[in-house]
């Protein structure tokens, strides 16, 4: 059901996607959809979570874990995190994080544009967007702390500034500009993010 909703949101937009259309695409009864999610806003919230963690890994209980302990949940639910922690240098750790982020942004990018447009007139979607940004800040703060623990950050770059830089560079908007509008490949995106973030963050 989430995969069907994702496809429809990305192609038809939020307003143009009805519960009936999602049910038809997912080949379930519309009553099943309402029973499972209750509202279209709840569906897009779970679709966003599934985009980030992977549709085959998503579990709605993840959100409760994140709300309780963001740092622990971030490390527990992201499959790339053990490699990130095992990296011997800041640059290697950054490379692991960037590769994972590009994979996520390729899924999230089209949905993020839909959500931002819908948030202007829909309170439920606005809350999802705001919570998603809060979770990004929490997760990127964890990454910034891990990078700082492996060596000095660039002179004048505090943990807060490092988090802000990560949030700005590794954003859905930046990735969409490069990948969707300028036709950059995944490899080109990863290399550029690595170059820019090494220059901006690492000592």
N, C-alpha and C. Protein backbone atom coordinates (compact mmCIF):
# COMPACT_ATOMS: atom_id res chain seq x y z
N UNK A 1 0.83 -1.21 0.00
CA UNK A 1 0.00 0.00 0.00
C UNK A 1 0.87 1.26 0.00
N UNK A 2 1.96 1.22 0.76
CA UNK A 2 2.83 2.39 0.80
C UNK A 2 3.53 2.62 -0.54
N UNK A 3 3.94 1.54 -1.19
CA UNK A 3 4.58 1.70 -2.51
C UNK A 3 3.60 2.27 -3.52
N UNK A 4 2.37 1.82 -3.46
CA UNK A 4 1.35 2.34 -4.37
C UNK A 4 1.10 3.81 -4.10
N UNK A 5 1.01 4.18 -2.83
CA UNK A 5 0.79 5.59 -2.48
C UNK A 5 1.96 6.45 -2.93
N UNK A 6 3.18 5.95 -2.74
CA UNK A 6 4.37 6.69 -3.16
C UNK A 6 4.34 6.99 -4.65
N UNK A 7 4.05 5.99 -5.44
CA UNK A 7 4.00 6.17 -6.90
C UNK A 7 2.96 7.22 -7.29
N UNK A 8 1.81 7.16 -6.65
CA UNK A 8 0.74 8.10 -6.98
C UNK A 8 1.05 9.51 -6.51
N UNK A 9 1.56 9.65 -5.30
CA UNK A 9 1.92 10.98 -4.80
C UNK A 9 2.95 11.64 -5.71
N UNK A 10 3.93 10.87 -6.16
CA UNK A 10 5.02 11.43 -6.98
C UNK A 10 4.55 11.79 -8.38
N UNK A 11 3.54 11.10 -8.89
CA UNK A 11 3.09 11.36 -10.27
C UNK A 11 1.86 12.28 -10.33
N UNK A 12 0.98 12.19 -9.33
CA UNK A 12 -0.26 12.96 -9.37
C UNK A 12 -0.32 14.09 -8.35
N UNK A 13 0.66 14.14 -7.44
CA UNK A 13 0.62 15.13 -6.38
C UNK A 13 -0.25 14.66 -5.22
N UNK A 14 -0.24 15.44 -4.15
CA UNK A 14 -1.00 15.04 -2.96
C UNK A 14 -2.50 15.22 -3.18
N UNK A 15 -2.90 16.37 -3.67
CA UNK A 15 -4.33 16.63 -3.87
C UNK A 15 -4.92 15.71 -4.92
N UNK A 16 -4.12 15.36 -5.94
CA UNK A 16 -4.61 14.53 -7.02
C UNK A 16 -4.64 13.05 -6.71
N UNK A 17 -4.14 12.68 -5.53
CA UNK A 17 -4.14 11.27 -5.11
C UNK A 17 -5.24 11.05 -4.08
N UNK A 18 -6.20 10.23 -4.42
CA UNK A 18 -7.30 9.93 -3.50
C UNK A 18 -7.08 8.57 -2.84
N UNK A 19 -7.81 8.36 -1.75
CA UNK A 19 -7.74 7.06 -1.08
C UNK A 19 -8.19 5.94 -2.02
N UNK A 20 -9.17 6.23 -2.85
CA UNK A 20 -9.66 5.22 -3.80
C UNK A 20 -8.58 4.85 -4.81
N UNK A 21 -7.86 5.86 -5.31
CA UNK A 21 -6.78 5.59 -6.26
C UNK A 21 -5.68 4.74 -5.63
N UNK A 22 -5.34 5.06 -4.39
CA UNK A 22 -4.30 4.27 -3.70
C UNK A 22 -4.77 2.83 -3.53
N UNK A 23 -6.02 2.65 -3.10
CA UNK A 23 -6.56 1.31 -2.91
C UNK A 23 -6.55 0.53 -4.22
N UNK A 24 -6.95 1.19 -5.30
CA UNK A 24 -6.95 0.52 -6.61
C UNK A 24 -5.54 0.11 -7.02
N UNK A 25 -4.59 1.02 -6.85
CA UNK A 25 -3.21 0.71 -7.25
C UNK A 25 -2.64 -0.42 -6.38
N UNK A 26 -2.99 -0.42 -5.09
CA UNK A 26 -2.48 -1.45 -4.18
C UNK A 26 -3.28 -2.74 -4.24
N UNK A 27 -4.40 -2.71 -4.96
CA UNK A 27 -5.29 -3.87 -5.09
C UNK A 27 -5.81 -4.33 -3.73
N UNK A 28 -6.27 -3.35 -2.96
CA UNK A 28 -6.94 -3.64 -1.69
C UNK A 28 -8.24 -2.88 -1.67
N UNK A 29 -9.12 -3.27 -0.77
CA UNK A 29 -10.38 -2.54 -0.61
C UNK A 29 -10.09 -1.20 0.05
N UNK A 30 -10.82 -0.17 -0.36
CA UNK A 30 -10.59 1.15 0.22
C UNK A 30 -10.85 1.14 1.72
N UNK A 31 -11.75 0.25 2.18
CA UNK A 31 -12.00 0.13 3.61
C UNK A 31 -10.76 -0.36 4.34
N UNK A 32 -9.99 -1.24 3.70
CA UNK A 32 -8.74 -1.73 4.29
C UNK A 32 -7.75 -0.60 4.46
N UNK A 33 -7.70 0.28 3.47
CA UNK A 33 -6.79 1.42 3.53
C UNK A 33 -7.17 2.34 4.69
N UNK A 34 -8.45 2.65 4.81
CA UNK A 34 -8.91 3.51 5.90
C UNK A 34 -8.68 2.84 7.26
N UNK A 35 -8.92 1.55 7.35
CA UNK A 35 -8.73 0.83 8.61
C UNK A 35 -7.26 0.85 9.04
N UNK A 36 -6.35 0.74 8.06
CA UNK A 36 -4.93 0.67 8.36
C UNK A 36 -4.34 2.03 8.69
N UNK A 37 -4.72 3.05 7.93
CA UNK A 37 -4.07 4.36 8.06
C UNK A 37 -4.99 5.48 8.56
N UNK A 38 -6.28 5.33 8.36
CA UNK A 38 -7.29 6.31 8.80
C UNK A 38 -7.37 7.56 7.90
N UNK A 39 -6.21 8.18 7.59
CA UNK A 39 -6.24 9.41 6.79
C UNK A 39 -5.13 9.39 5.74
N UNK A 40 -5.31 10.24 4.73
CA UNK A 40 -4.28 10.36 3.70
C UNK A 40 -3.02 10.99 4.29
N UNK A 41 -3.18 11.89 5.25
CA UNK A 41 -2.02 12.48 5.92
C UNK A 41 -1.17 11.44 6.63
N UNK A 42 -1.82 10.46 7.25
CA UNK A 42 -1.09 9.39 7.93
C UNK A 42 -0.34 8.52 6.92
N UNK A 43 -0.94 8.35 5.75
CA UNK A 43 -0.28 7.55 4.71
C UNK A 43 1.00 8.24 4.25
N UNK A 44 0.93 9.54 3.99
CA UNK A 44 2.13 10.20 3.46
C UNK A 44 3.23 10.25 4.52
N UNK A 45 2.84 10.28 5.79
CA UNK A 45 3.83 10.24 6.87
C UNK A 45 4.59 8.92 6.84
N UNK A 46 3.86 7.81 6.68
CA UNK A 46 4.52 6.51 6.64
C UNK A 46 5.28 6.30 5.33
N UNK A 47 4.77 6.86 4.24
CA UNK A 47 5.49 6.77 2.97
C UNK A 47 6.85 7.46 3.11
N UNK A 48 6.88 8.61 3.77
CA UNK A 48 8.15 9.31 3.98
C UNK A 48 9.11 8.45 4.79
N UNK A 49 8.62 7.85 5.86
CA UNK A 49 9.47 6.97 6.66
C UNK A 49 10.00 5.80 5.86
N UNK A 50 9.14 5.22 5.02
CA UNK A 50 9.55 4.09 4.19
C UNK A 50 10.58 4.51 3.15
N UNK A 51 10.45 5.72 2.63
CA UNK A 51 11.45 6.24 1.68
C UNK A 51 12.82 6.35 2.33
N UNK A 52 12.85 6.76 3.58
CA UNK A 52 14.11 7.00 4.27
C UNK A 52 14.78 5.68 4.66
N UNK A 53 14.03 4.78 5.25
CA UNK A 53 14.60 3.52 5.74
C UNK A 53 14.57 2.40 4.70
N UNK A 54 13.74 2.57 3.68
CA UNK A 54 13.57 1.52 2.68
C UNK A 54 12.21 0.86 2.85
N UNK A 55 11.51 0.67 1.76
CA UNK A 55 10.16 0.11 1.83
C UNK A 55 10.16 -1.30 2.40
N UNK A 56 11.26 -2.03 2.23
CA UNK A 56 11.32 -3.39 2.76
C UNK A 56 11.72 -3.43 4.23
N UNK A 57 12.14 -2.28 4.78
CA UNK A 57 12.58 -2.22 6.17
C UNK A 57 11.63 -1.44 7.07
N UNK A 58 10.69 -0.75 6.50
CA UNK A 58 9.88 0.18 7.28
C UNK A 58 8.95 -0.53 8.26
N UNK A 59 8.90 0.00 9.45
CA UNK A 59 8.00 -0.46 10.50
C UNK A 59 7.48 0.79 11.21
N UNK A 60 6.17 1.00 11.28
CA UNK A 60 5.65 2.22 11.89
C UNK A 60 6.07 2.41 13.34
N UNK A 61 6.53 1.34 14.00
CA UNK A 61 6.99 1.47 15.39
C UNK A 61 8.33 2.21 15.47
N UNK A 62 8.99 2.39 14.34
CA UNK A 62 10.25 3.12 14.33
C UNK A 62 10.08 4.53 14.88
N UNK A 63 8.98 5.18 14.53
CA UNK A 63 8.77 6.56 14.96
C UNK A 63 8.75 6.68 16.48
N UNK A 64 8.13 5.72 17.16
CA UNK A 64 8.10 5.74 18.63
C UNK A 64 9.51 5.60 19.19
N UNK A 65 10.33 4.75 18.56
CA UNK A 65 11.71 4.57 19.01
C UNK A 65 12.52 5.85 18.81
N UNK A 66 12.30 6.52 17.68
CA UNK A 66 13.01 7.77 17.39
C UNK A 66 12.61 8.86 18.38
N UNK A 67 11.32 8.93 18.69
CA UNK A 67 10.84 9.94 19.63
C UNK A 67 11.43 9.74 21.02
N UNK A 68 11.69 8.48 21.38
CA UNK A 68 12.23 8.16 22.70
C UNK A 68 13.72 8.46 22.80
N UNK A 69 14.48 8.01 21.80
CA UNK A 69 15.93 8.19 21.81
C UNK A 69 16.42 8.32 20.38
N UNK A 70 16.44 9.54 19.82
CA UNK A 70 16.79 9.73 18.41
C UNK A 70 18.15 9.16 18.02
N UNK A 71 19.16 9.38 18.86
CA UNK A 71 20.51 8.92 18.51
C UNK A 71 20.58 7.40 18.46
N UNK A 72 19.98 6.74 19.44
CA UNK A 72 20.00 5.28 19.47
C UNK A 72 19.22 4.71 18.30
N UNK A 73 18.04 5.27 18.03
CA UNK A 73 17.21 4.78 16.93
C UNK A 73 17.89 5.00 15.58
N UNK A 74 18.53 6.15 15.42
CA UNK A 74 19.23 6.45 14.18
C UNK A 74 20.29 5.39 13.90
N UNK A 75 21.05 5.02 14.95
CA UNK A 75 22.09 4.02 14.79
C UNK A 75 21.51 2.63 14.57
N UNK A 76 20.39 2.35 15.20
CA UNK A 76 19.82 1.01 15.16
C UNK A 76 19.12 0.70 13.84
N UNK A 77 18.43 1.67 13.27
CA UNK A 77 17.56 1.37 12.13
C UNK A 77 18.18 1.65 10.77
N UNK A 78 19.29 2.39 10.72
CA UNK A 78 19.92 2.65 9.43
C UNK A 78 20.98 1.57 9.15
N UNK A 79 20.82 0.78 8.10
CA UNK A 79 21.74 -0.34 7.85
C UNK A 79 23.17 0.07 7.55
N UNK A 80 23.38 1.32 7.12
CA UNK A 80 24.72 1.78 6.78
C UNK A 80 25.50 2.25 8.00
N UNK A 81 24.83 2.42 9.14
CA UNK A 81 25.47 3.06 10.29
C UNK A 81 26.66 2.27 10.84
N UNK A 82 26.60 0.93 10.91
CA UNK A 82 27.79 0.20 11.39
C UNK A 82 29.04 0.50 10.56
N UNK A 83 28.89 0.57 9.23
CA UNK A 83 30.04 0.91 8.38
C UNK A 83 30.52 2.34 8.66
N UNK A 84 29.59 3.24 8.91
CA UNK A 84 29.93 4.62 9.25
C UNK A 84 30.75 4.65 10.54
N UNK A 85 30.33 3.89 11.54
CA UNK A 85 31.05 3.87 12.81
C UNK A 85 32.41 3.20 12.70
N UNK A 86 32.53 2.20 11.82
CA UNK A 86 33.80 1.48 11.67
C UNK A 86 34.82 2.24 10.83
N UNK A 87 34.39 3.25 10.10
CA UNK A 87 35.32 3.99 9.24
C UNK A 87 36.47 4.56 10.06
N UNK A 88 37.68 4.45 9.54
CA UNK A 88 38.86 4.84 10.30
C UNK A 88 39.16 6.33 10.24
N UNK A 89 38.69 7.00 9.20
CA UNK A 89 38.97 8.43 9.06
C UNK A 89 37.67 9.20 8.87
N UNK A 90 37.76 10.50 9.07
CA UNK A 90 36.60 11.36 8.85
C UNK A 90 36.12 11.27 7.40
N UNK A 91 37.06 11.29 6.46
CA UNK A 91 36.69 11.26 5.05
C UNK A 91 35.98 9.96 4.70
N UNK A 92 36.46 8.84 5.25
CA UNK A 92 35.82 7.55 4.98
C UNK A 92 34.42 7.51 5.58
N UNK A 93 34.28 8.01 6.81
CA UNK A 93 32.96 8.05 7.45
C UNK A 93 32.01 8.94 6.64
N UNK A 94 32.52 10.07 6.19
CA UNK A 94 31.70 10.97 5.40
C UNK A 94 31.26 10.31 4.10
N UNK A 95 32.15 9.55 3.49
CA UNK A 95 31.82 8.85 2.25
C UNK A 95 30.70 7.85 2.45
N UNK A 96 30.73 7.10 3.55
CA UNK A 96 29.65 6.15 3.85
C UNK A 96 28.33 6.88 4.00
N UNK A 97 28.36 7.98 4.75
CA UNK A 97 27.13 8.75 4.99
C UNK A 97 26.59 9.35 3.70
N UNK A 98 27.46 9.86 2.86
CA UNK A 98 27.03 10.47 1.60
C UNK A 98 26.41 9.43 0.68
N UNK A 99 27.04 8.27 0.56
CA UNK A 99 26.49 7.22 -0.30
C UNK A 99 25.09 6.82 0.16
N UNK A 100 24.92 6.66 1.47
CA UNK A 100 23.60 6.32 2.00
C UNK A 100 22.61 7.45 1.77
N UNK A 101 23.07 8.68 1.94
CA UNK A 101 22.17 9.84 1.77
C UNK A 101 21.70 9.98 0.33
N UNK A 102 22.59 9.75 -0.62
CA UNK A 102 22.19 9.85 -2.03
C UNK A 102 21.15 8.78 -2.36
N UNK A 103 21.34 7.58 -1.85
CA UNK A 103 20.33 6.53 -2.06
C UNK A 103 18.97 6.97 -1.52
N UNK A 104 18.98 7.55 -0.33
CA UNK A 104 17.74 8.02 0.29
C UNK A 104 17.14 9.18 -0.50
N UNK A 105 17.97 10.13 -0.88
CA UNK A 105 17.48 11.31 -1.59
C UNK A 105 16.89 10.97 -2.95
N UNK A 106 17.40 9.91 -3.57
CA UNK A 106 16.81 9.49 -4.84
C UNK A 106 15.36 9.05 -4.67
N UNK A 107 15.04 8.49 -3.51
CA UNK A 107 13.65 8.10 -3.23
C UNK A 107 12.85 9.27 -2.68
N UNK A 108 13.45 10.02 -1.78
CA UNK A 108 12.73 11.07 -1.06
C UNK A 108 12.51 12.32 -1.92
N UNK A 109 13.45 12.63 -2.80
CA UNK A 109 13.41 13.88 -3.55
C UNK A 109 12.08 14.19 -4.20
N UNK A 110 11.55 13.31 -5.04
CA UNK A 110 10.27 13.61 -5.69
C UNK A 110 9.12 13.78 -4.69
N UNK A 111 9.13 12.98 -3.63
CA UNK A 111 8.07 13.08 -2.62
C UNK A 111 8.19 14.37 -1.84
N UNK A 112 9.42 14.80 -1.54
CA UNK A 112 9.63 16.02 -0.77
C UNK A 112 9.03 17.23 -1.48
N UNK A 113 9.20 17.30 -2.79
CA UNK A 113 8.63 18.42 -3.54
C UNK A 113 7.11 18.43 -3.45
N UNK A 114 6.52 17.26 -3.53
CA UNK A 114 5.06 17.14 -3.41
C UNK A 114 4.61 17.59 -2.02
N UNK A 115 5.33 17.18 -0.99
CA UNK A 115 4.95 17.50 0.37
C UNK A 115 5.06 18.99 0.67
N UNK A 116 6.13 19.60 0.19
CA UNK A 116 6.30 21.04 0.42
C UNK A 116 5.17 21.83 -0.24
N UNK A 117 4.80 21.42 -1.45
CA UNK A 117 3.70 22.10 -2.15
C UNK A 117 2.38 21.91 -1.40
N UNK A 118 2.12 20.70 -0.91
CA UNK A 118 0.87 20.40 -0.22
C UNK A 118 0.81 21.05 1.15
N UNK A 119 1.97 21.22 1.80
CA UNK A 119 2.02 21.77 3.15
C UNK A 119 1.49 23.20 3.22
N UNK A 120 1.53 23.90 2.09
CA UNK A 120 1.04 25.28 2.07
C UNK A 120 -0.45 25.38 2.37
N UNK A 121 -1.19 24.31 2.10
CA UNK A 121 -2.64 24.38 2.28
C UNK A 121 -3.22 23.23 3.12
N UNK A 122 -2.36 22.29 3.54
CA UNK A 122 -2.87 21.15 4.29
C UNK A 122 -2.12 21.03 5.61
N UNK A 123 -2.84 21.15 6.71
CA UNK A 123 -2.21 21.16 8.03
C UNK A 123 -1.57 19.82 8.37
N UNK A 124 -2.21 18.72 7.98
CA UNK A 124 -1.62 17.40 8.25
C UNK A 124 -0.27 17.24 7.58
N UNK A 125 -0.20 17.62 6.32
CA UNK A 125 1.07 17.49 5.59
C UNK A 125 2.10 18.44 6.18
N UNK A 126 1.67 19.63 6.59
CA UNK A 126 2.61 20.58 7.20
C UNK A 126 3.24 19.98 8.45
N UNK A 127 2.44 19.27 9.25
CA UNK A 127 2.99 18.65 10.45
C UNK A 127 3.99 17.55 10.08
N UNK A 128 3.69 16.80 9.02
CA UNK A 128 4.62 15.75 8.57
C UNK A 128 5.94 16.38 8.12
N UNK A 129 5.86 17.45 7.36
CA UNK A 129 7.06 18.14 6.88
C UNK A 129 7.88 18.66 8.06
N UNK A 130 7.21 19.27 9.02
CA UNK A 130 7.92 19.82 10.19
C UNK A 130 8.58 18.71 11.00
N UNK A 131 7.87 17.61 11.20
CA UNK A 131 8.46 16.50 11.95
C UNK A 131 9.62 15.87 11.18
N UNK A 132 9.47 15.76 9.87
CA UNK A 132 10.55 15.22 9.06
C UNK A 132 11.81 16.06 9.16
N UNK A 133 11.64 17.39 9.17
CA UNK A 133 12.80 18.27 9.31
C UNK A 133 13.42 18.13 10.70
N UNK A 134 12.59 17.98 11.71
CA UNK A 134 13.10 17.77 13.07
C UNK A 134 13.93 16.49 13.13
N UNK A 135 13.45 15.43 12.49
CA UNK A 135 14.18 14.17 12.49
C UNK A 135 15.50 14.30 11.71
N UNK A 136 15.50 15.09 10.64
CA UNK A 136 16.74 15.33 9.90
C UNK A 136 17.77 16.02 10.78
N UNK A 137 17.33 17.03 11.51
CA UNK A 137 18.24 17.75 12.40
C UNK A 137 18.83 16.80 13.44
N UNK A 138 17.98 15.97 14.03
CA UNK A 138 18.45 15.01 15.04
C UNK A 138 19.47 14.04 14.45
N UNK A 139 19.15 13.50 13.28
CA UNK A 139 20.04 12.53 12.65
C UNK A 139 21.35 13.14 12.21
N UNK A 140 21.29 14.33 11.61
CA UNK A 140 22.52 14.96 11.13
C UNK A 140 23.38 15.45 12.28
N UNK A 141 22.76 15.74 13.42
CA UNK A 141 23.54 16.09 14.61
C UNK A 141 24.35 14.89 15.07
N UNK A 142 23.75 13.70 15.02
CA UNK A 142 24.48 12.48 15.36
C UNK A 142 25.68 12.31 14.44
N UNK A 143 25.48 12.52 13.15
CA UNK A 143 26.57 12.38 12.18
C UNK A 143 27.67 13.41 12.44
N UNK A 144 27.30 14.65 12.70
CA UNK A 144 28.29 15.69 12.98
C UNK A 144 29.13 15.34 14.21
N UNK A 145 28.49 14.82 15.24
CA UNK A 145 29.22 14.43 16.46
C UNK A 145 30.18 13.29 16.17
N UNK A 146 29.75 12.32 15.37
CA UNK A 146 30.62 11.20 15.03
C UNK A 146 31.83 11.68 14.22
N UNK A 147 31.61 12.60 13.30
CA UNK A 147 32.73 13.12 12.51
C UNK A 147 33.71 13.86 13.42
N UNK A 148 33.18 14.64 14.36
CA UNK A 148 34.04 15.40 15.27
C UNK A 148 34.82 14.47 16.20
N UNK A 149 34.26 13.30 16.49
CA UNK A 149 34.95 12.36 17.38
C UNK A 149 36.14 11.69 16.72
N UNK A 150 36.23 11.79 15.38
CA UNK A 150 37.33 11.15 14.65
C UNK A 150 38.47 12.12 14.34
N UNK A 151 38.31 13.34 14.71
CA UNK A 151 39.36 14.33 14.42
C UNK A 151 38.76 15.73 14.46
N UNK A 152 39.61 16.70 14.28
CA UNK A 152 39.15 18.08 14.35
C UNK A 152 38.31 18.43 13.13
N UNK A 153 37.27 19.21 13.39
CA UNK A 153 36.53 19.81 12.29
C UNK A 153 37.29 21.03 11.79
N UNK A 154 36.87 21.52 10.65
CA UNK A 154 37.51 22.72 10.10
C UNK A 154 37.46 23.85 11.12
N UNK A 155 38.48 24.67 11.13
CA UNK A 155 38.57 25.77 12.10
C UNK A 155 37.32 26.65 12.02
N UNK A 156 36.73 26.89 13.18
CA UNK A 156 35.55 27.74 13.25
C UNK A 156 34.24 27.01 13.06
N UNK A 157 34.30 25.72 12.74
CA UNK A 157 33.09 24.93 12.52
C UNK A 157 32.70 24.23 13.83
N UNK A 158 31.64 24.70 14.44
CA UNK A 158 31.11 24.07 15.64
C UNK A 158 30.22 22.89 15.25
N UNK A 159 29.79 22.12 16.24
CA UNK A 159 28.88 21.01 15.94
C UNK A 159 27.59 21.53 15.32
N UNK A 160 27.08 22.63 15.84
CA UNK A 160 25.85 23.20 15.29
C UNK A 160 26.06 23.64 13.85
N UNK A 161 27.21 24.30 13.58
CA UNK A 161 27.49 24.75 12.23
C UNK A 161 27.67 23.55 11.30
N UNK A 162 28.33 22.51 11.77
CA UNK A 162 28.51 21.31 10.95
C UNK A 162 27.17 20.68 10.60
N UNK A 163 26.27 20.64 11.59
CA UNK A 163 24.93 20.11 11.33
C UNK A 163 24.21 20.95 10.29
N UNK A 164 24.31 22.27 10.42
CA UNK A 164 23.64 23.17 9.47
C UNK A 164 24.18 22.98 8.05
N UNK A 165 25.49 22.79 7.93
CA UNK A 165 26.09 22.57 6.62
C UNK A 165 25.59 21.27 6.00
N UNK A 166 25.56 20.20 6.80
CA UNK A 166 25.05 18.92 6.31
C UNK A 166 23.61 19.04 5.86
N UNK A 167 22.79 19.72 6.66
CA UNK A 167 21.37 19.88 6.33
C UNK A 167 21.18 20.64 5.02
N UNK A 168 22.02 21.63 4.79
CA UNK A 168 21.88 22.47 3.60
C UNK A 168 22.37 21.76 2.34
N UNK A 169 23.54 21.15 2.44
CA UNK A 169 24.13 20.51 1.25
C UNK A 169 23.38 19.22 0.90
N UNK A 170 23.18 18.35 1.89
CA UNK A 170 22.52 17.06 1.64
C UNK A 170 21.01 17.19 1.82
N UNK A 171 20.43 18.05 1.00
CA UNK A 171 18.99 18.28 1.06
C UNK A 171 18.32 17.74 -0.20
N UNK A 172 17.01 17.50 -0.07
CA UNK A 172 16.26 17.03 -1.24
C UNK A 172 16.30 18.07 -2.35
N UNK A 173 16.26 19.35 -1.97
CA UNK A 173 16.26 20.42 -2.98
C UNK A 173 17.56 20.43 -3.78
N UNK A 174 18.70 20.32 -3.07
CA UNK A 174 19.98 20.32 -3.77
C UNK A 174 20.12 19.09 -4.66
N UNK A 175 19.74 17.94 -4.13
CA UNK A 175 19.86 16.71 -4.92
C UNK A 175 18.95 16.76 -6.14
N UNK A 176 17.74 17.26 -5.99
CA UNK A 176 16.83 17.35 -7.13
C UNK A 176 17.35 18.29 -8.20
N UNK A 177 17.98 19.38 -7.76
CA UNK A 177 18.56 20.31 -8.73
C UNK A 177 19.63 19.63 -9.57
N UNK A 178 20.48 18.85 -8.91
CA UNK A 178 21.57 18.19 -9.63
C UNK A 178 21.08 16.98 -10.44
N UNK A 179 20.30 16.11 -9.80
CA UNK A 179 19.93 14.84 -10.43
C UNK A 179 18.77 14.97 -11.40
N UNK A 180 17.69 15.62 -10.96
CA UNK A 180 16.49 15.68 -11.79
C UNK A 180 16.55 16.79 -12.83
N UNK A 181 17.10 17.94 -12.43
CA UNK A 181 17.09 19.08 -13.36
C UNK A 181 18.33 19.17 -14.23
N UNK A 182 19.47 18.73 -13.68
CA UNK A 182 20.72 18.83 -14.44
C UNK A 182 21.26 17.47 -14.88
N UNK A 183 20.50 16.41 -14.57
CA UNK A 183 20.81 15.05 -15.04
C UNK A 183 22.16 14.51 -14.57
N UNK A 184 22.56 14.87 -13.35
CA UNK A 184 23.77 14.29 -12.79
C UNK A 184 23.49 12.84 -12.39
N UNK A 185 24.49 11.99 -12.56
CA UNK A 185 24.36 10.60 -12.13
C UNK A 185 24.55 10.50 -10.62
N UNK A 186 24.22 9.33 -10.06
CA UNK A 186 24.43 9.11 -8.63
C UNK A 186 25.89 9.26 -8.27
N UNK A 187 26.77 8.75 -9.12
CA UNK A 187 28.21 8.85 -8.86
C UNK A 187 28.67 10.30 -8.85
N UNK A 188 28.19 11.10 -9.82
CA UNK A 188 28.57 12.51 -9.87
C UNK A 188 28.07 13.25 -8.64
N UNK A 189 26.86 12.94 -8.21
CA UNK A 189 26.32 13.58 -7.00
C UNK A 189 27.15 13.24 -5.78
N UNK A 190 27.48 11.95 -5.63
CA UNK A 190 28.26 11.53 -4.47
C UNK A 190 29.63 12.21 -4.46
N UNK A 191 30.29 12.30 -5.61
CA UNK A 191 31.62 12.91 -5.67
C UNK A 191 31.54 14.39 -5.32
N UNK A 192 30.52 15.07 -5.82
CA UNK A 192 30.40 16.51 -5.54
C UNK A 192 30.10 16.74 -4.07
N UNK A 193 29.17 15.98 -3.50
CA UNK A 193 28.87 16.12 -2.08
C UNK A 193 30.13 15.85 -1.24
N UNK A 194 30.90 14.85 -1.62
CA UNK A 194 32.13 14.53 -0.88
C UNK A 194 33.11 15.70 -0.95
N UNK A 195 33.34 16.24 -2.14
CA UNK A 195 34.27 17.35 -2.30
C UNK A 195 33.85 18.56 -1.47
N UNK A 196 32.57 18.93 -1.58
CA UNK A 196 32.09 20.12 -0.90
C UNK A 196 32.12 19.94 0.62
N UNK A 197 31.66 18.80 1.09
CA UNK A 197 31.57 18.59 2.54
C UNK A 197 32.95 18.40 3.17
N UNK A 198 33.87 17.79 2.46
CA UNK A 198 35.23 17.71 2.99
C UNK A 198 35.81 19.11 3.15
N UNK A 199 35.60 19.96 2.15
CA UNK A 199 36.11 21.32 2.22
C UNK A 199 35.46 22.12 3.34
N UNK A 200 34.17 21.93 3.53
CA UNK A 200 33.42 22.73 4.48
C UNK A 200 33.54 22.24 5.93
N UNK A 201 33.78 20.94 6.11
CA UNK A 201 33.68 20.38 7.45
C UNK A 201 35.00 19.92 8.06
N UNK A 202 35.88 19.34 7.25
CA UNK A 202 37.00 18.62 7.83
C UNK A 202 38.23 19.50 8.01
N UNK A 203 38.94 19.24 9.09
CA UNK A 203 40.13 20.01 9.39
C UNK A 203 41.30 19.55 8.53
